[in-house]
Protein backbone atom coordinates (compact mmCIF):
# COMPACT_ATOMS: atom_id res chain seq x y z
CA MET A 1 30.60 18.84 26.40
CA ALA A 2 27.91 19.36 23.76
CA THR A 3 24.68 20.95 24.91
CA PRO A 4 21.79 18.44 24.69
CA TRP A 5 19.06 19.35 22.24
CA TRP A 6 16.63 20.29 25.00
CA GLY A 7 19.10 22.90 26.27
CA GLN A 8 19.49 24.57 22.89
CA PRO A 9 17.44 27.56 21.60
CA TRP A 10 13.81 26.52 21.30
CA ASN A 11 11.98 26.77 17.97
CA GLY A 12 8.59 25.62 19.15
CA GLY A 13 6.78 22.30 19.37
CA SER A 14 7.78 21.23 15.90
CA GLN A 15 11.38 20.82 17.07
CA PHE A 16 10.50 17.96 19.38
CA CYS A 17 8.12 16.32 16.92
CA GLY A 18 10.71 16.58 14.19
CA LEU A 19 13.46 14.98 16.26
CA VAL A 20 11.34 12.01 17.31
CA SER A 21 9.90 11.57 13.82
CA ALA A 22 13.31 11.85 12.13
CA GLY A 23 14.79 9.18 14.35
CA SER A 24 11.87 6.91 13.66
CA ASN A 25 12.02 7.48 9.89
CA ALA A 26 15.76 6.89 9.75
CA TYR A 27 15.44 3.62 11.61
CA PHE A 28 12.45 2.16 9.80
CA GLY A 29 13.62 3.36 6.39
CA ALA A 30 16.49 0.88 6.61
CA ALA A 31 16.40 -2.89 6.25
CA ALA A 32 14.07 -5.11 8.26
CA HIS A 33 14.89 -5.39 11.97
CA SER A 34 14.36 -8.03 14.61
CA ALA A 35 11.68 -7.83 17.28
CA ASN A 36 14.35 -7.08 19.90
CA GLU A 37 15.69 -4.18 17.83
CA LEU A 38 12.19 -2.74 17.43
CA ARG A 39 11.67 -3.00 21.18
CA ASP A 40 14.97 -1.26 21.86
CA LEU A 41 14.00 1.56 19.49
CA GLU A 42 10.71 2.13 21.29
CA VAL A 43 12.43 2.09 24.71
CA GLY A 44 15.02 4.59 23.43
CA THR A 45 12.32 6.84 22.04
CA MET A 46 10.51 6.81 25.40
CA ARG A 47 13.70 7.75 27.24
CA THR A 48 14.31 10.63 24.84
CA PHE A 49 10.74 11.76 25.33
CA PHE A 50 10.87 11.92 29.11
CA ARG A 51 14.31 13.58 29.13
CA GLY A 52 12.96 16.16 26.71
CA LEU A 53 9.93 17.02 28.82
CA SER A 54 12.13 18.80 31.36
CA GLY A 55 13.43 21.08 28.62
CA ILE A 56 10.20 21.93 26.88
CA ARG A 57 8.14 22.94 29.92
CA GLY A 58 7.45 26.64 29.96
CA ARG A 59 8.37 27.08 26.29
CA GLY A 60 4.88 27.09 24.88
CA PHE A 61 4.79 23.35 24.28
CA GLY A 62 2.93 21.33 26.91
CA ALA A 63 3.49 17.76 27.99
CA THR A 64 0.20 16.73 26.38
CA SER A 65 1.33 18.03 23.00
CA ALA A 66 4.68 16.30 23.40
CA LEU A 67 2.94 13.03 24.24
CA ILE A 68 0.84 13.36 21.10
CA CYS A 69 4.03 13.75 19.07
CA LEU A 70 5.51 10.65 20.68
CA LEU A 71 2.41 8.58 20.02
CA LEU A 72 2.32 9.73 16.41
CA ALA A 73 5.96 8.79 15.95
CA LEU A 74 5.51 5.34 17.49
CA ASN A 75 2.37 4.80 15.44
CA HIS A 76 4.33 5.68 12.30
CA SER A 77 7.05 3.26 13.36
CA ALA A 78 4.53 0.45 13.82
CA TRP A 79 2.90 1.28 10.48
CA SER A 80 6.28 1.20 8.74
CA ALA A 81 7.10 -2.19 10.24
CA ASP A 82 3.70 -3.60 9.22
CA SER A 83 4.04 -2.18 5.72
CA GLY A 84 7.44 -3.84 5.33
CA LYS A 85 6.00 -7.17 6.42
CA LEU A 86 3.12 -6.91 3.96
CA GLU A 87 5.53 -6.19 1.10
CA ALA A 88 7.68 -9.18 2.11
CA ASN A 89 4.57 -11.39 2.15
CA LYS A 90 3.66 -10.16 -1.33
CA ARG A 91 7.11 -11.01 -2.70
CA LEU A 92 7.00 -14.43 -1.07
CA VAL A 93 3.60 -15.36 -2.53
CA VAL A 94 4.40 -14.05 -6.02
CA ALA A 95 7.64 -16.07 -6.04
CA PHE A 96 5.79 -19.18 -4.87
CA TYR A 97 3.06 -18.77 -7.48
CA ASP A 98 5.55 -18.23 -10.29
CA ALA A 99 7.56 -21.30 -9.27
CA ALA A 100 4.55 -23.60 -8.90
CA ILE A 101 2.22 -22.44 -11.68
CA ASN A 102 4.35 -20.75 -14.32
CA LYS A 103 7.68 -22.53 -14.02
CA LYS A 104 6.06 -25.74 -12.73
CA ASP A 105 9.19 -26.29 -10.67
CA TYR A 106 8.22 -28.29 -7.59
CA ASP A 107 11.73 -28.28 -6.11
CA LEU A 108 11.74 -24.48 -6.13
CA ALA A 109 8.10 -24.04 -5.10
CA VAL A 110 8.38 -26.30 -2.05
CA THR A 111 11.05 -24.04 -0.56
CA PHE A 112 8.34 -21.42 0.01
CA LEU A 113 6.02 -23.79 1.91
CA GLY A 114 5.69 -23.97 5.68
CA PRO A 115 5.84 -27.25 7.62
CA GLU A 116 2.09 -27.54 7.03
CA TYR A 117 0.23 -26.46 3.90
CA ARG A 118 -3.57 -26.53 3.97
CA GLN A 119 -5.20 -26.69 0.57
CA HIS A 120 -8.83 -25.69 -0.03
CA ASN A 121 -8.90 -26.32 -3.78
CA PRO A 122 -10.82 -29.63 -4.01
CA THR A 123 -8.64 -30.88 -6.88
CA ALA A 124 -5.37 -30.70 -4.90
CA GLY A 125 -4.14 -32.41 -1.76
CA ASP A 126 -2.64 -30.96 1.40
CA GLY A 127 1.02 -30.45 2.14
CA ALA A 128 4.12 -30.74 0.02
CA ALA A 129 2.89 -34.05 -1.41
CA GLY A 130 -0.29 -32.40 -2.64
CA LEU A 131 1.68 -29.58 -4.24
CA LYS A 132 4.02 -32.05 -5.93
CA ALA A 133 1.11 -34.01 -7.41
CA PHE A 134 -0.59 -30.81 -8.62
CA VAL A 135 2.56 -29.49 -10.30
CA ALA A 136 3.05 -32.88 -11.99
CA PHE A 137 -0.57 -32.73 -13.20
CA LEU A 138 -0.02 -29.28 -14.71
CA LYS A 139 3.17 -30.35 -16.47
CA ALA A 140 1.44 -33.40 -17.96
CA LYS A 141 -1.92 -31.91 -18.92
CA PHE A 142 -1.34 -28.17 -19.34
CA PRO A 143 2.39 -27.58 -19.94
CA THR A 144 1.79 -24.12 -21.45
CA GLN A 145 -0.56 -22.87 -18.75
CA HIS A 146 0.47 -19.43 -17.51
CA GLY A 147 -0.89 -17.12 -14.86
CA ASP A 148 -0.54 -13.39 -15.49
CA ILE A 149 -0.82 -11.67 -12.11
CA LYS A 150 -2.87 -8.50 -12.47
CA GLN A 151 -3.15 -7.41 -8.83
CA VAL A 152 -1.46 -8.29 -5.54
CA ILE A 153 -3.23 -7.32 -2.32
CA ALA A 154 -2.00 -7.97 1.22
CA GLU A 155 -3.84 -7.58 4.50
CA GLY A 156 -2.75 -9.07 7.81
CA ASP A 157 -1.38 -12.55 7.14
CA LEU A 158 -3.22 -12.92 3.81
CA VAL A 159 -2.05 -12.21 0.26
CA VAL A 160 -4.54 -12.13 -2.62
CA LEU A 161 -3.60 -12.56 -6.28
CA HIS A 162 -5.94 -11.56 -9.11
CA VAL A 163 -4.80 -13.69 -12.03
CA HIS A 164 -5.54 -14.10 -15.74
CA SER A 165 -4.85 -17.77 -16.35
CA THR A 166 -4.44 -19.08 -19.91
CA ARG A 167 -3.56 -22.51 -21.26
CA GLY A 168 -2.16 -21.55 -24.63
CA ASP A 169 -5.11 -23.06 -26.48
CA GLY A 170 -6.53 -19.83 -27.93
CA THR A 171 -9.41 -19.57 -25.46
CA PRO A 172 -9.90 -16.42 -23.32
CA GLY A 173 -8.79 -18.31 -20.23
CA ARG A 174 -10.01 -17.87 -16.70
CA ALA A 175 -10.13 -15.17 -14.03
CA ILE A 176 -8.78 -16.54 -10.76
CA VAL A 177 -8.57 -15.10 -7.28
CA ASP A 178 -5.94 -16.95 -5.23
CA ILE A 179 -5.78 -16.34 -1.49
CA PHE A 180 -2.71 -17.40 0.46
CA ARG A 181 -2.03 -17.29 4.18
CA VAL A 182 1.53 -16.62 5.31
CA ALA A 183 3.09 -17.55 8.66
CA ASN A 184 6.71 -17.07 9.70
CA GLY A 185 7.75 -16.16 6.18
CA LYS A 186 6.22 -19.26 4.57
CA VAL A 187 3.05 -20.10 2.63
CA VAL A 188 0.81 -22.25 4.83
CA GLU A 189 -2.70 -22.16 3.33
CA HIS A 190 -4.46 -21.59 0.00
CA TRP A 191 -7.96 -20.88 -1.31
CA ASP A 192 -9.07 -19.99 -4.82
CA VAL A 193 -12.12 -18.88 -6.78
CA ILE A 194 -12.17 -19.57 -10.53
CA GLN A 195 -14.36 -18.10 -13.28
CA ASP A 196 -14.23 -18.83 -17.00
CA ILE A 197 -13.86 -15.74 -19.20
CA PRO A 198 -16.73 -15.74 -21.71
CA GLU A 199 -16.36 -14.99 -25.40
CA LYS A 200 -18.90 -12.18 -25.07
CA SER A 201 -19.63 -9.85 -22.19
CA ALA A 202 -22.62 -7.70 -21.26
CA ASN A 203 -20.21 -4.79 -20.66
CA ASN A 204 -16.96 -3.48 -22.06
CA ASN A 205 -15.05 -3.29 -18.76
CA GLY A 206 -13.20 -6.58 -18.97
CA MET A 207 -12.58 -8.89 -16.02
CA PHE A 208 -9.30 -7.31 -14.99
């Protein structure tokens, strides 16, 4: 029978930290996992921790230090999960924006909407019907309008796009900040702030 790791020659506190951290990294470096799987990982990590305490006592690595390692590992695990969710939200919103504004494809864009879609732009209505009417308006009035996404920022359930919007008419276009709220993997709310890009500027920094 193989000797468990806590019965093997001791290399100091870093051994325990490394084992917990490596297991956490290996798990969260893979594809997205369900809430139950994340719970099981944390329970498994706790069991490993308490089994390991019996082996590290008296080896120059106290229980307090071990607990710190465990908390750091679990914190990293939570951060990794949150980071993955933020990246997924970014991809969702960019795909929705491209479908609705650049491709002007309502049938594709509506697949990214939640059961409710709250719209704060005063020129567009709520819900799928409001989106459909807005896309139809763009196709009729501004068929060459294009939004060049310069920045994508995600925090919590919000995704912010910093966009250079042009209409293909030779004008500088507009600087737009679009804010989307995401729930359960769908776009459910939208705000925007729009500013015309002037021909001349008091500085040379540009608006993007």
